Amino acid sequence: MAADNVDLFRRAVRAANEDDEQTLLELFAEDAEVFALRSVTEGPYRGPDGLRAFLADNRESFDLFRLNYEDVRDLGDGRVLAIGTLRIRGKGSGVETDVPSAQVITFRDGRIVHLHDYRDAERALEAAGLA
């Protein structure tokens, strides 16, 4: 099951990079919560409608939204830690940059039920109990 969660996460990253909404909806549980970087001010995205809203927000805000996680670790308890970057280019500004991303992802029955992006690797490691 452990390697499966890492594989499922990598599938979700691929789907997000390809803007494959259908695959993402299949990989996220009906009651999933996504705490993206902007959730601090906007709140979490919940369920299929929340995931669709998150993807629509990305399409509206960015010409480029690309995930790259070089360090993906199974935590052995249904969670995965992923540390990497988001490559983004703003629609209005055209500015392209890499933004740090560090996530803890929780799985249940082969689907993502909780995804929290802490941006900072230290904060994600702390949240995962590895600090």
Protein backbone atom coordinates (compact mmCIF):
# COMPACT_ATOMS: atom_id res chain seq x y z
CA MET A 1 0.00 0.00 0.00
CA ALA A 2 2.87 2.42 0.80
CA ALA A 3 4.34 2.47 -2.69
CA ASP A 4 0.81 2.70 -4.04
CA ASN A 5 0.25 6.03 -2.28
CA VAL A 6 3.45 7.46 -3.76
CA ASP A 7 2.36 6.22 -7.19
CA LEU A 8 -1.12 7.70 -6.70
CA PHE A 9 0.41 11.03 -5.74
CA ARG A 10 2.64 11.00 -8.82
CA ARG A 11 -0.45 10.23 -10.93
CA ALA A 12 -2.23 13.21 -9.40
CA VAL A 13 0.77 15.46 -10.15
CA ARG A 14 0.80 14.26 -13.76
CA ALA A 15 -2.94 14.86 -14.06
CA ALA A 16 -2.62 18.36 -12.58
CA ASN A 17 0.23 19.20 -14.96
CA GLU A 18 -1.87 17.99 -17.90
CA ASP A 19 -5.00 19.79 -16.61
CA ASP A 20 -6.74 16.40 -16.54
CA GLU A 21 -9.69 17.24 -14.33
CA GLN A 22 -11.39 13.87 -14.76
CA THR A 23 -8.40 11.90 -13.47
CA LEU A 24 -8.01 14.26 -10.53
CA LEU A 25 -11.67 13.82 -9.62
CA GLU A 26 -11.12 10.05 -9.66
CA LEU A 27 -8.02 10.32 -7.44
CA PHE A 28 -9.60 12.57 -4.81
CA ALA A 29 -12.23 11.25 -2.38
CA GLU A 30 -15.70 12.79 -2.33
CA ASP A 31 -14.94 14.36 1.05
CA ALA A 32 -11.40 15.49 0.19
CA GLU A 33 -10.01 18.77 1.48
CA VAL A 34 -7.31 20.71 -0.34
CA PHE A 35 -5.41 23.38 1.54
CA ALA A 36 -3.56 25.18 -1.24
CA LEU A 37 -1.20 28.07 -0.57
CA ARG A 38 -4.00 30.59 -1.00
CA SER A 39 -6.26 28.68 1.43
CA VAL A 40 -4.79 30.75 4.27
CA THR A 41 -6.94 33.65 3.11
CA GLU A 42 -9.61 31.87 1.07
CA GLY A 43 -10.17 28.69 3.05
CA PRO A 44 -9.85 25.07 1.92
CA TYR A 45 -11.32 23.58 -1.22
CA ARG A 46 -13.72 20.76 -0.30
CA GLY A 47 -15.10 17.86 -2.31
CA PRO A 48 -15.45 17.59 -6.08
CA ASP A 49 -16.87 21.11 -6.43
CA GLY A 50 -13.98 22.51 -4.42
CA LEU A 51 -11.45 20.67 -6.56
CA ARG A 52 -13.13 21.99 -9.71
CA ALA A 53 -13.03 25.52 -8.23
CA PHE A 54 -9.32 25.14 -7.41
CA LEU A 55 -8.56 24.08 -10.98
CA ALA A 56 -10.69 26.89 -12.40
CA ASP A 57 -8.90 29.41 -10.17
CA ASN A 58 -5.56 28.15 -11.49
CA ARG A 59 -6.70 28.44 -15.10
CA GLU A 60 -7.96 31.96 -14.46
CA SER A 61 -4.83 33.13 -12.63
CA PHE A 62 -1.97 31.37 -14.42
CA ASP A 63 -0.83 30.75 -17.98
CA LEU A 64 1.50 28.13 -16.53
CA PHE A 65 0.96 26.02 -13.41
CA ARG A 66 3.41 23.13 -13.24
CA LEU A 67 4.13 20.91 -10.23
CA ASN A 68 7.55 19.36 -9.72
CA TYR A 69 8.27 17.22 -6.66
CA GLU A 70 11.78 15.81 -6.48
CA ASP A 71 11.46 14.48 -2.93
CA VAL A 72 8.42 12.24 -2.40
CA ARG A 73 8.38 10.06 0.71
CA ASP A 74 5.90 7.55 2.00
CA LEU A 75 5.38 8.16 5.71
CA GLY A 76 4.02 4.66 6.30
CA ASP A 77 0.73 5.73 7.86
CA GLY A 78 -1.39 6.55 4.84
CA ARG A 79 0.45 9.83 4.30
CA VAL A 80 2.96 11.04 1.75
CA LEU A 81 5.36 13.96 2.06
CA ALA A 82 6.26 15.80 -1.15
CA ILE A 83 8.84 18.59 -1.40
CA GLY A 84 9.47 20.52 -4.59
CA THR A 85 8.34 23.57 -6.52
CA LEU A 86 5.46 25.07 -8.45
CA ARG A 87 6.45 26.74 -11.72
CA ILE A 88 3.91 29.47 -12.36
CA ARG A 89 3.40 32.31 -14.82
CA GLY A 90 0.81 34.94 -13.95
CA LYS A 91 -1.78 35.73 -16.61
CA GLY A 92 -1.76 39.47 -16.13
CA SER A 93 1.92 39.98 -15.40
CA GLY A 94 3.51 37.29 -17.56
CA VAL A 95 6.06 36.85 -14.77
CA GLU A 96 7.32 33.28 -14.48
CA THR A 97 8.81 31.98 -11.25
CA ASP A 98 9.35 28.90 -9.12
CA VAL A 99 7.54 28.84 -5.78
CA PRO A 100 8.53 26.37 -3.06
CA SER A 101 5.94 23.71 -2.30
CA ALA A 102 5.94 21.13 0.48
CA GLN A 103 2.84 19.02 0.95
CA VAL A 104 1.53 16.37 3.28
CA ILE A 105 -1.06 14.22 1.53
CA THR A 106 -3.34 11.74 3.31
CA PHE A 107 -4.85 8.74 1.54
CA ARG A 108 -7.82 6.53 2.37
CA ASP A 109 -8.86 3.54 0.29
CA GLY A 110 -6.59 4.52 -2.58
CA ARG A 111 -7.81 8.13 -2.84
CA ILE A 112 -6.57 11.47 -1.57
CA VAL A 113 -8.63 12.72 1.37
CA HIS A 114 -6.45 15.58 2.57
CA LEU A 115 -3.79 17.63 0.83
CA HIS A 116 -2.08 20.47 2.67
CA ASP A 117 0.57 22.65 1.01
CA TYR A 118 2.80 24.20 3.65
CA ARG A 119 5.08 25.84 1.04
CA ASP A 120 8.04 25.59 3.41
CA ALA A 121 9.75 22.18 3.73
CA GLU A 122 10.47 22.72 7.45
CA ARG A 123 6.81 23.36 8.20
CA ALA A 124 5.73 20.30 6.21
CA LEU A 125 8.33 18.14 7.97
CA GLU A 126 7.05 19.43 11.30
CA ALA A 127 3.43 18.71 10.31
CA ALA A 128 4.49 15.20 9.29
CA GLY A 129 6.16 14.67 12.66
CA LEU A 130 9.67 14.57 11.16
CA ALA A 131 11.12 17.88 12.41
